[in-house]
Amino acid sequence: MPTKAPVIHSDPEMLSGTPVFIGTRVPVQSLFDYLEGGDTLNEFLRQFPSVRREQAIAALELAGESVLTSARPA
């Protein structure tokens, strides 16, 4: 099974360590804020052109995996 390339980065010297999409200064939280506000993934990508579609989808997949993993009984 191939290892997925990382899509999120946190550096204390960039935006005080806020997790951002690799190669950008766009906080990952922005993606979730847009979706929570009713905007589409396409609208988010239009507003933040430095984020690639693959990065955004990978971040959503990571979030989904995290939720599903934490919801499973030990």
C-alpha atoms as a PDB file:
ATOM      1  CA  MET A   1       0.000   0.000   0.000  1.00  0.00           C
ATOM      2  CA  PRO A   2       1.588   3.325  -1.044  1.00  0.00           C
ATOM      3  CA  THR A   3       2.144   5.993   1.582  1.00  0.00           C
ATOM      4  CA  LYS A   4       0.260   9.229   0.988  1.00  0.00           C
ATOM      5  CA  ALA A   5       2.357  12.366   0.712  1.00  0.00           C
ATOM      6  CA  PRO A   6       1.756  14.779   3.583  1.00  0.00           C
ATOM      7  CA  VAL A   7      -0.581  17.649   2.752  1.00  0.00           C
ATOM      8  CA  ILE A   8      -0.584  19.542   6.056  1.00  0.00           C
ATOM      9  CA  HIS A   9       2.311  21.255   7.761  1.00  0.00           C
ATOM     10  CA  SER A  10       2.711  23.096  11.040  1.00  0.00           C
ATOM     11  CA  ASP A  11       5.694  25.325  11.751  1.00  0.00           C
ATOM     12  CA  PRO A  12       5.917  27.561  14.828  1.00  0.00           C
ATOM     13  CA  GLU A  13       7.585  30.203  12.628  1.00  0.00           C
ATOM     14  CA  MET A  14       4.638  30.307  10.209  1.00  0.00           C
ATOM     15  CA  LEU A  15       1.284  31.631  11.409  1.00  0.00           C
ATOM     16  CA  SER A  16       2.245  30.681  14.987  1.00  0.00           C
ATOM     17  CA  GLY A  17       2.149  26.972  14.176  1.00  0.00           C
ATOM     18  CA  THR A  18      -1.318  26.953  12.635  1.00  0.00           C
ATOM     19  CA  PRO A  19      -1.662  23.868  10.403  1.00  0.00           C
ATOM     20  CA  VAL A  20      -1.486  24.955   6.754  1.00  0.00           C
ATOM     21  CA  PHE A  21      -1.552  23.225   3.399  1.00  0.00           C
ATOM     22  CA  ILE A  22       2.017  22.356   2.405  1.00  0.00           C
ATOM     23  CA  GLY A  23       3.518  24.924   0.047  1.00  0.00           C
ATOM     24  CA  THR A  24       0.989  27.583   1.070  1.00  0.00           C
ATOM     25  CA  ARG A  25       0.118  29.853   3.953  1.00  0.00           C
ATOM     26  CA  VAL A  26      -3.538  28.781   3.795  1.00  0.00           C
ATOM     27  CA  PRO A  27      -4.781  27.402   7.126  1.00  0.00           C
ATOM     28  CA  VAL A  28      -6.469  24.024   6.841  1.00  0.00           C
ATOM     29  CA  GLN A  29      -9.187  25.415   9.118  1.00  0.00           C
ATOM     30  CA  SER A  30     -10.200  27.704   6.250  1.00  0.00           C
ATOM     31  CA  LEU A  31     -11.335  24.671   4.254  1.00  0.00           C
ATOM     32  CA  PHE A  32     -13.551  23.476   7.094  1.00  0.00           C
ATOM     33  CA  ASP A  33     -14.883  26.994   7.684  1.00  0.00           C
ATOM     34  CA  TYR A  34     -15.885  27.320   4.033  1.00  0.00           C
ATOM     35  CA  LEU A  35     -17.625  23.954   3.982  1.00  0.00           C
ATOM     36  CA  GLU A  36     -19.344  24.597   7.313  1.00  0.00           C
ATOM     37  CA  GLY A  37     -20.567  27.917   5.948  1.00  0.00           C
ATOM     38  CA  GLY A  38     -22.244  26.154   3.029  1.00  0.00           C
ATOM     39  CA  ASP A  39     -19.659  26.907   0.369  1.00  0.00           C
ATOM     40  CA  THR A  40     -18.504  24.227  -2.028  1.00  0.00           C
ATOM     41  CA  LEU A  41     -15.046  22.781  -2.405  1.00  0.00           C
ATOM     42  CA  ASN A  42     -14.847  24.554  -5.765  1.00  0.00           C
ATOM     43  CA  GLU A  43     -15.574  27.911  -4.106  1.00  0.00           C
ATOM     44  CA  PHE A  44     -12.834  27.292  -1.537  1.00  0.00           C
ATOM     45  CA  LEU A  45     -10.370  26.405  -4.297  1.00  0.00           C
ATOM     46  CA  ARG A  46     -11.371  29.505  -6.262  1.00  0.00           C
ATOM     47  CA  GLN A  47     -10.697  31.696  -3.221  1.00  0.00           C
ATOM     48  CA  PHE A  48      -7.406  29.938  -2.405  1.00  0.00           C
ATOM     49  CA  PRO A  49      -5.781  29.074  -5.749  1.00  0.00           C
ATOM     50  CA  SER A  50      -2.502  28.042  -4.099  1.00  0.00           C
ATOM     51  CA  VAL A  51      -4.267  24.977  -2.644  1.00  0.00           C
ATOM     52  CA  ARG A  52      -4.528  22.113  -5.103  1.00  0.00           C
ATOM     53  CA  ARG A  53      -7.736  20.084  -5.304  1.00  0.00           C
ATOM     54  CA  GLU A  54      -5.754  16.945  -4.385  1.00  0.00           C
ATOM     55  CA  GLN A  55      -4.515  18.627  -1.197  1.00  0.00           C
ATOM     56  CA  ALA A  56      -8.010  19.658  -0.128  1.00  0.00           C
ATOM     57  CA  ILE A  57      -9.447  16.201  -0.799  1.00  0.00           C
ATOM     58  CA  ALA A  58      -6.570  14.548   1.063  1.00  0.00           C
ATOM     59  CA  ALA A  59      -7.169  16.833   4.066  1.00  0.00           C
ATOM     60  CA  LEU A  60     -10.858  15.902   4.063  1.00  0.00           C
ATOM     61  CA  GLU A  61      -9.953  12.218   3.851  1.00  0.00           C
ATOM     62  CA  LEU A  62      -7.555  12.588   6.794  1.00  0.00           C
ATOM     63  CA  ALA A  63     -10.272  14.272   8.837  1.00  0.00           C
ATOM     64  CA  GLY A  64     -12.734  11.529   7.955  1.00  0.00           C
ATOM     65  CA  GLU A  65     -10.265   8.789   8.873  1.00  0.00           C
ATOM     66  CA  SER A  66      -9.574  10.522  12.179  1.00  0.00           C
ATOM     67  CA  VAL A  67     -13.263  10.713  13.038  1.00  0.00           C
ATOM     68  CA  LEU A  68     -13.896   7.103  12.090  1.00  0.00           C
ATOM     69  CA  THR A  69     -10.844   5.873  14.007  1.00  0.00           C
ATOM     70  CA  SER A  70     -11.789   7.747  17.162  1.00  0.00           C
ATOM     71  CA  ALA A  71     -15.379   6.477  16.945  1.00  0.00           C
ATOM     72  CA  ARG A  72     -14.350   2.803  16.899  1.00  0.00           C
ATOM     73  CA  PRO A  73     -14.386   0.947  20.201  1.00  0.00           C
ATOM     74  CA  ALA A  74     -10.955   0.082  21.575  1.00  0.00           C
END
